[in-house]
Amino acid sequence: TLSSAIASNLAKGKDLFYAVSEAKEYVRNAIYYSLNLGKGCGPTNHFFKFLDEK
């Protein structure tokens, strides 16, 4: 996930520092909003940006 996020930012023409920092923020949020399924840590939520904020 992290490497894909970095690669996609680089493909968008972002510089390396920006690409890595944005990718880290994306992964951090995907983990923070992970899905509560089963026992233990749930899968990361790659669609956290689409959650309703209340």
PDB file of N, CA and C in Angstrom:
ATOM      1  N   THR A   1       0.821  -1.188   0.000  1.00  0.00           N
ATOM      2  CA  THR A   1       0.000   0.000   0.000  1.00  0.00           C
ATOM      3  C   THR A   1       0.868   1.256   0.000  1.00  0.00           C
ATOM      4  N   LEU A   2       1.873   1.280   0.862  1.00  0.00           N
ATOM      5  CA  LEU A   2       2.732   2.460   0.932  1.00  0.00           C
ATOM      6  C   LEU A   2       3.480   2.677  -0.381  1.00  0.00           C
ATOM      7  N   SER A   3       4.065   1.614  -0.907  1.00  0.00           N
ATOM      8  CA  SER A   3       4.823   1.768  -2.153  1.00  0.00           C
ATOM      9  C   SER A   3       3.913   2.156  -3.313  1.00  0.00           C
ATOM     10  N   SER A   4       2.703   1.641  -3.336  1.00  0.00           N
ATOM     11  CA  SER A   4       1.751   2.011  -4.389  1.00  0.00           C
ATOM     12  C   SER A   4       1.348   3.473  -4.277  1.00  0.00           C
ATOM     13  N   ALA A   5       1.149   3.933  -3.060  1.00  0.00           N
ATOM     14  CA  ALA A   5       0.787   5.335  -2.860  1.00  0.00           C
ATOM     15  C   ALA A   5       1.934   6.257  -3.267  1.00  0.00           C
ATOM     16  N   ILE A   6       3.157   5.870  -2.931  1.00  0.00           N
ATOM     17  CA  ILE A   6       4.322   6.665  -3.346  1.00  0.00           C
ATOM     18  C   ILE A   6       4.422   6.689  -4.866  1.00  0.00           C
ATOM     19  N   ALA A   7       4.302   5.525  -5.490  1.00  0.00           N
ATOM     20  CA  ALA A   7       4.414   5.428  -6.949  1.00  0.00           C
ATOM     21  C   ALA A   7       3.334   6.246  -7.648  1.00  0.00           C
ATOM     22  N   SER A   8       2.113   6.220  -7.126  1.00  0.00           N
ATOM     23  CA  SER A   8       1.043   6.975  -7.775  1.00  0.00           C
ATOM     24  C   SER A   8       1.271   8.478  -7.639  1.00  0.00           C
ATOM     25  N   ASN A   9       1.801   8.918  -6.507  1.00  0.00           N
ATOM     26  CA  ASN A   9       2.126  10.341  -6.361  1.00  0.00           C
ATOM     27  C   ASN A   9       3.254  10.753  -7.292  1.00  0.00           C
ATOM     28  N   LEU A  10       4.261   9.897  -7.440  1.00  0.00           N
ATOM     29  CA  LEU A  10       5.349  10.195  -8.375  1.00  0.00           C
ATOM     30  C   LEU A  10       4.835  10.235  -9.811  1.00  0.00           C
ATOM     31  N   ALA A  11       3.904   9.340 -10.144  1.00  0.00           N
ATOM     32  CA  ALA A  11       3.326   9.318 -11.489  1.00  0.00           C
ATOM     33  C   ALA A  11       2.523  10.585 -11.774  1.00  0.00           C
ATOM     34  N   LYS A  12       2.003  11.204 -10.715  1.00  0.00           N
ATOM     35  CA  LYS A  12       1.276  12.465 -10.866  1.00  0.00           C
ATOM     36  C   LYS A  12       2.218  13.653 -11.014  1.00  0.00           C
ATOM     37  N   GLY A  13       3.532  13.382 -10.949  1.00  0.00           N
ATOM     38  CA  GLY A  13       4.513  14.442 -11.124  1.00  0.00           C
ATOM     39  C   GLY A  13       4.940  15.129  -9.841  1.00  0.00           C
ATOM     40  N   LYS A  14       4.560  14.577  -8.695  1.00  0.00           N
ATOM     41  CA  LYS A  14       4.949  15.165  -7.414  1.00  0.00           C
ATOM     42  C   LYS A  14       6.413  14.859  -7.135  1.00  0.00           C
ATOM     43  N   ASP A  15       7.085  15.735  -6.373  1.00  0.00           N
ATOM     44  CA  ASP A  15       8.480  15.457  -6.026  1.00  0.00           C
ATOM     45  C   ASP A  15       8.528  14.356  -4.963  1.00  0.00           C
ATOM     46  N   LEU A  16       9.708  13.773  -4.780  1.00  0.00           N
ATOM     47  CA  LEU A  16       9.857  12.602  -3.916  1.00  0.00           C
ATOM     48  C   LEU A  16       9.439  12.889  -2.479  1.00  0.00           C
ATOM     49  N   PHE A  17       9.840  14.022  -1.922  1.00  0.00           N
ATOM     50  CA  PHE A  17       9.485  14.348  -0.542  1.00  0.00           C
ATOM     51  C   PHE A  17       7.974  14.419  -0.378  1.00  0.00           C
ATOM     52  N   TYR A  18       7.291  15.129  -1.274  1.00  0.00           N
ATOM     53  CA  TYR A  18       5.835  15.249  -1.212  1.00  0.00           C
ATOM     54  C   TYR A  18       5.181  13.886  -1.400  1.00  0.00           C
ATOM     55  N   ALA A  19       5.661  13.113  -2.360  1.00  0.00           N
ATOM     56  CA  ALA A  19       5.078  11.802  -2.645  1.00  0.00           C
ATOM     57  C   ALA A  19       5.135  10.895  -1.426  1.00  0.00           C
ATOM     58  N   VAL A  20       6.273  10.883  -0.742  1.00  0.00           N
ATOM     59  CA  VAL A  20       6.425  10.023   0.437  1.00  0.00           C
ATOM     60  C   VAL A  20       5.592  10.535   1.603  1.00  0.00           C
ATOM     61  N   SER A  21       5.603  11.836   1.852  1.00  0.00           N
ATOM     62  CA  SER A  21       4.842  12.362   2.989  1.00  0.00           C
ATOM     63  C   SER A  21       3.342  12.182   2.794  1.00  0.00           C
ATOM     64  N   GLU A  22       2.842  12.394   1.589  1.00  0.00           N
ATOM     65  CA  GLU A  22       1.420  12.175   1.325  1.00  0.00           C
ATOM     66  C   GLU A  22       1.059  10.692   1.415  1.00  0.00           C
ATOM     67  N   ALA A  23       1.935   9.831   0.945  1.00  0.00           N
ATOM     68  CA  ALA A  23       1.689   8.391   1.020  1.00  0.00           C
ATOM     69  C   ALA A  23       1.641   7.924   2.468  1.00  0.00           C
ATOM     70  N   LYS A  24       2.544   8.437   3.301  1.00  0.00           N
ATOM     71  CA  LYS A  24       2.539   8.080   4.719  1.00  0.00           C
ATOM     72  C   LYS A  24       1.247   8.528   5.389  1.00  0.00           C
ATOM     73  N   GLU A  25       0.786   9.715   5.060  1.00  0.00           N
ATOM     74  CA  GLU A  25      -0.468  10.224   5.619  1.00  0.00           C
ATOM     75  C   GLU A  25      -1.646   9.367   5.162  1.00  0.00           C
ATOM     76  N   TYR A  26      -1.650   8.977   3.897  1.00  0.00           N
ATOM     77  CA  TYR A  26      -2.706   8.121   3.365  1.00  0.00           C
ATOM     78  C   TYR A  26      -2.757   6.786   4.105  1.00  0.00           C
ATOM     79  N   VAL A  27      -1.605   6.142   4.278  1.00  0.00           N
ATOM     80  CA  VAL A  27      -1.549   4.846   4.956  1.00  0.00           C
ATOM     81  C   VAL A  27      -1.938   4.989   6.423  1.00  0.00           C
ATOM     82  N   ARG A  28      -1.489   6.063   7.064  1.00  0.00           N
ATOM     83  CA  ARG A  28      -1.853   6.296   8.461  1.00  0.00           C
ATOM     84  C   ARG A  28      -3.368   6.385   8.613  1.00  0.00           C
ATOM     85  N   ASN A  29      -4.027   7.130   7.734  1.00  0.00           N
ATOM     86  CA  ASN A  29      -5.482   7.253   7.788  1.00  0.00           C
ATOM     87  C   ASN A  29      -6.176   5.944   7.441  1.00  0.00           C
ATOM     88  N   ALA A  30      -5.647   5.209   6.486  1.00  0.00           N
ATOM     89  CA  ALA A  30      -6.239   3.915   6.129  1.00  0.00           C
ATOM     90  C   ALA A  30      -6.187   2.955   7.312  1.00  0.00           C
ATOM     91  N   ILE A  31      -5.115   3.016   8.091  1.00  0.00           N
ATOM     92  CA  ILE A  31      -5.010   2.178   9.292  1.00  0.00           C
ATOM     93  C   ILE A  31      -5.935   2.704  10.385  1.00  0.00           C
ATOM     94  N   TYR A  32      -5.957   4.011  10.588  1.00  0.00           N
ATOM     95  CA  TYR A  32      -6.792   4.617  11.629  1.00  0.00           C
ATOM     96  C   TYR A  32      -8.269   4.277  11.418  1.00  0.00           C
ATOM     97  N   TYR A  33      -8.723   4.318  10.181  1.00  0.00           N
ATOM     98  CA  TYR A  33     -10.119   4.026   9.865  1.00  0.00           C
ATOM     99  C   TYR A  33     -10.314   2.573   9.429  1.00  0.00           C
ATOM    100  N   SER A  34      -9.441   1.675   9.887  1.00  0.00           N
ATOM    101  CA  SER A  34      -9.530   0.266   9.480  1.00  0.00           C
ATOM    102  C   SER A  34     -10.882  -0.320   9.865  1.00  0.00           C
ATOM    103  N   LEU A  35     -11.268  -1.335   9.145  1.00  0.00           N
ATOM    104  CA  LEU A  35     -12.568  -1.962   9.345  1.00  0.00           C
ATOM    105  C   LEU A  35     -12.507  -2.915  10.527  1.00  0.00           C
ATOM    106  N   ASN A  36     -13.545  -2.912  11.329  1.00  0.00           N
ATOM    107  CA  ASN A  36     -13.616  -3.746  12.522  1.00  0.00           C
ATOM    108  C   ASN A  36     -14.280  -5.076  12.165  1.00  0.00           C
ATOM    109  N   LEU A  37     -13.493  -5.973  11.588  1.00  0.00           N
ATOM    110  CA  LEU A  37     -14.005  -7.275  11.170  1.00  0.00           C
ATOM    111  C   LEU A  37     -13.269  -8.377  11.920  1.00  0.00           C
ATOM    112  N   GLY A  38     -13.994  -9.338  12.440  1.00  0.00           N
ATOM    113  CA  GLY A  38     -13.358 -10.470  13.099  1.00  0.00           C
ATOM    114  C   GLY A  38     -12.598 -10.070  14.342  1.00  0.00           C
ATOM    115  N   LYS A  39     -11.556 -10.840  14.636  1.00  0.00           N
ATOM    116  CA  LYS A  39     -10.730 -10.584  15.815  1.00  0.00           C
ATOM    117  C   LYS A  39      -9.402  -9.976  15.377  1.00  0.00           C
ATOM    118  N   GLY A  40      -8.786  -9.225  16.265  1.00  0.00           N
ATOM    119  CA  GLY A  40      -7.498  -8.623  15.949  1.00  0.00           C
ATOM    120  C   GLY A  40      -7.652  -7.374  15.105  1.00  0.00           C
ATOM    121  N   CYS A  41      -6.591  -7.031  14.432  1.00  0.00           N
ATOM    122  CA  CYS A  41      -6.589  -5.836  13.586  1.00  0.00           C
ATOM    123  C   CYS A  41      -7.362  -6.103  12.306  1.00  0.00           C
ATOM    124  N   GLY A  42      -8.243  -5.197  11.964  1.00  0.00           N
ATOM    125  CA  GLY A  42      -9.002  -5.343  10.735  1.00  0.00           C
ATOM    126  C   GLY A  42      -8.208  -4.868   9.534  1.00  0.00           C
ATOM    127  N   PRO A  43      -8.751  -5.083   8.333  1.00  0.00           N
ATOM    128  CA  PRO A  43      -8.060  -4.632   7.122  1.00  0.00           C
ATOM    129  C   PRO A  43      -8.085  -3.106   7.024  1.00  0.00           C
ATOM    130  N   THR A  44      -7.081  -2.565   6.372  1.00  0.00           N
ATOM    131  CA  THR A  44      -7.049  -1.114   6.202  1.00  0.00           C
ATOM    132  C   THR A  44      -8.213  -0.670   5.328  1.00  0.00           C
ATOM    133  N   ASN A  45      -8.685   0.527   5.587  1.00  0.00           N
ATOM    134  CA  ASN A  45      -9.816   1.079   4.853  1.00  0.00           C
ATOM    135  C   ASN A  45      -9.296   2.079   3.821  1.00  0.00           C
ATOM    136  N   HIS A  46      -9.116   1.607   2.603  1.00  0.00           N
ATOM    137  CA  HIS A  46      -8.579   2.457   1.542  1.00  0.00           C
ATOM    138  C   HIS A  46      -9.574   3.519   1.087  1.00  0.00           C
ATOM    139  N   PHE A  47     -10.817   3.393   1.500  1.00  0.00           N
ATOM    140  CA  PHE A  47     -11.854   4.328   1.071  1.00  0.00           C
ATOM    141  C   PHE A  47     -12.279   5.262   2.199  1.00  0.00           C
ATOM    142  N   PHE A  48     -11.383   5.520   3.165  1.00  0.00           N
ATOM    143  CA  PHE A  48     -11.716   6.349   4.316  1.00  0.00           C
ATOM    144  C   PHE A  48     -12.150   7.752   3.920  1.00  0.00           C
ATOM    145  N   LYS A  49     -11.697   8.246   2.778  1.00  0.00           N
ATOM    146  CA  LYS A  49     -12.062   9.604   2.354  1.00  0.00           C
ATOM    147  C   LYS A  49     -13.546   9.717   2.013  1.00  0.00           C
ATOM    148  N   PHE A  50     -14.200   8.587   1.785  1.00  0.00           N
ATOM    149  CA  PHE A  50     -15.602   8.596   1.405  1.00  0.00           C
ATOM    150  C   PHE A  50     -16.537   8.385   2.587  1.00  0.00           C
ATOM    151  N   LEU A  51     -15.992   8.301   3.812  1.00  0.00           N
ATOM    152  CA  LEU A  51     -16.818   8.133   4.999  1.00  0.00           C
ATOM    153  C   LEU A  51     -17.586   9.415   5.277  1.00  0.00           C
ATOM    154  N   ASP A  52     -18.795   9.257   5.801  1.00  0.00           N
ATOM    155  CA  ASP A  52     -19.575  10.425   6.214  1.00  0.00           C
ATOM    156  C   ASP A  52     -18.977  10.983   7.489  1.00  0.00           C
ATOM    157  N   GLU A  53     -18.635  12.250   7.459  1.00  0.00           N
ATOM    158  CA  GLU A  53     -18.122  12.893   8.664  1.00  0.00           C
ATOM    159  C   GLU A  53     -19.283  13.573   9.356  1.00  0.00           C
ATOM    160  N   LYS A  54     -19.448  13.234  10.632  1.00  0.00           N
ATOM    161  CA  LYS A  54     -20.567  13.807  11.391  1.00  0.00           C
ATOM    162  C   LYS A  54     -20.049  14.589  12.557  1.00  0.00           C
TER     163      LYS A  54
END
